[in-house]
Each structure stands twice: as C-alpha cells, then as structure tokens.
Amino acid sequence: MSEEHTNDDIKTKRVTRFQSPVPFIITLRRLIYGRKKPDIYTVVTYYINLFIWWTFFLWNIISYYTITSRDFIKSQKGISVERIVENRGRELGFSPGDFLSKLTTFHAISIILWGVVFFGLILLYRKKKLFIYFTLVPVILFLAMNVFYLSFTYFGEDTTMYDKIALLIFVASCLIHSYLLKNERNGGSISFFGEATEAEESPSAAE
C-alpha cells in the first residue's frame, strides 16, 4: 500500500471522527459521570430520582415560560393567563398582583434549585458523599417556598398527589442511599441484601 493512500485513509478517518457526534457524546458522558459504572443499586436510585427531577424541572420551566409569555399567549390563543392566575390568587387570599409576582419568582428560583439537584444526582451516581447536600438542601428549600412563600394552602391544594409522593420518594431514597454509602465506606454493603457469600456466588463450591 502506498504512503499516499495511507495518508488519505488517516485523513478520512479524522474527518469521519470529527463529523460524528458519538465520540464527543462519549467523552462528555465520561467527563460528567466518570469512567467507572457504579453498583446496580446506585444506578437504580439515580434513574428513579432522575425521572422525578426531570418532571419537576420541566414543569417549572413550562410554568415560568407560560407566566412570562402571558401577553404573547393572550394575543395568539386568546387565553388570559394573568386573569386565571389572579383569580386563583384571590381564592388563596393574596392581594391583586401579589400572587402573580410571587408565582413568577417561585418558578424562577425553582429552576435554579432543580439545576443544583441535577449536579447532586451526578455526585450520587459517582458515589460522592457530598451528593446529599446538593440534593436534599435544594429540595427542602423548594418545599419551604411552596409552604411559606406561596402558603400552605397552595401546597395542599395546588400541588398534585404525584408531587407529594415523588418528593417523599426523592428525599427518602437520598437519605437511604447516603446511609448505605456510609456503610459501604466502613466496609459494609451498599445493598439492603448485604454481600453475597462465597458459597452463594459459587454453587459448585457447596457441592
């Protein structure tokens, strides 16, 4: 094979590699999640909480966009978002204009809080003990804003049962995972079922 043909092949491979997004995605994933895949319990906990995170993050983005684009929505669809929000605010006991302002601020801050939670989930996946602070603290602040900033009535009536159950699962799973992670660092197991014994791992050994 000629040297010129070899150089052409190398250039072709470089161009193909540059044009393909796959190597970049793999590199980015390794940069974020690391090269080592964690145990199955950590992976399951991560994906359950990632799904919960995505529903809250997406909902807050949609809600914030809907409120801040209320004039555009009214002109295009004829739906008065402001009137709907204000009517609900009066039912909750807010002064005119107060509820709309607070709801806008709430969703804006919530987007930031859930962004921090995502970073915490990455730390959870990488089994870093600091993950508990980046997941629970923002979620607690989110709950506090629901109850104290928007009112307990809002939290009780305007948040769905899914919201309450999902937040409970999120908080409980993070606390449990933090405990099991600490247990693993002390020589124990990160699974509720403990470490498999040598006999369990090798059936032929028992024979």
Foldseek 3Di string as FASTA:
>chain_A
DDPVVVVVVVVVVVVVVVPDCVVVVVVVCCVQQNDDFDDPLLVVLLVLLVVLLVVQLVVLVVQLCCLVCQVVCCVVPVDRPLVVQQVVCVVVPHDGPPRSVLSNVLSVVLNVLSVLLVSLSSCSRNLHLCSLCSNPVSLVVNVCCQPPVNHVVCVVPVDDPCNVVSSVSNNVSSVLQSVLSVQVVVPWHSDPVTDDDPCRVDVVVVD
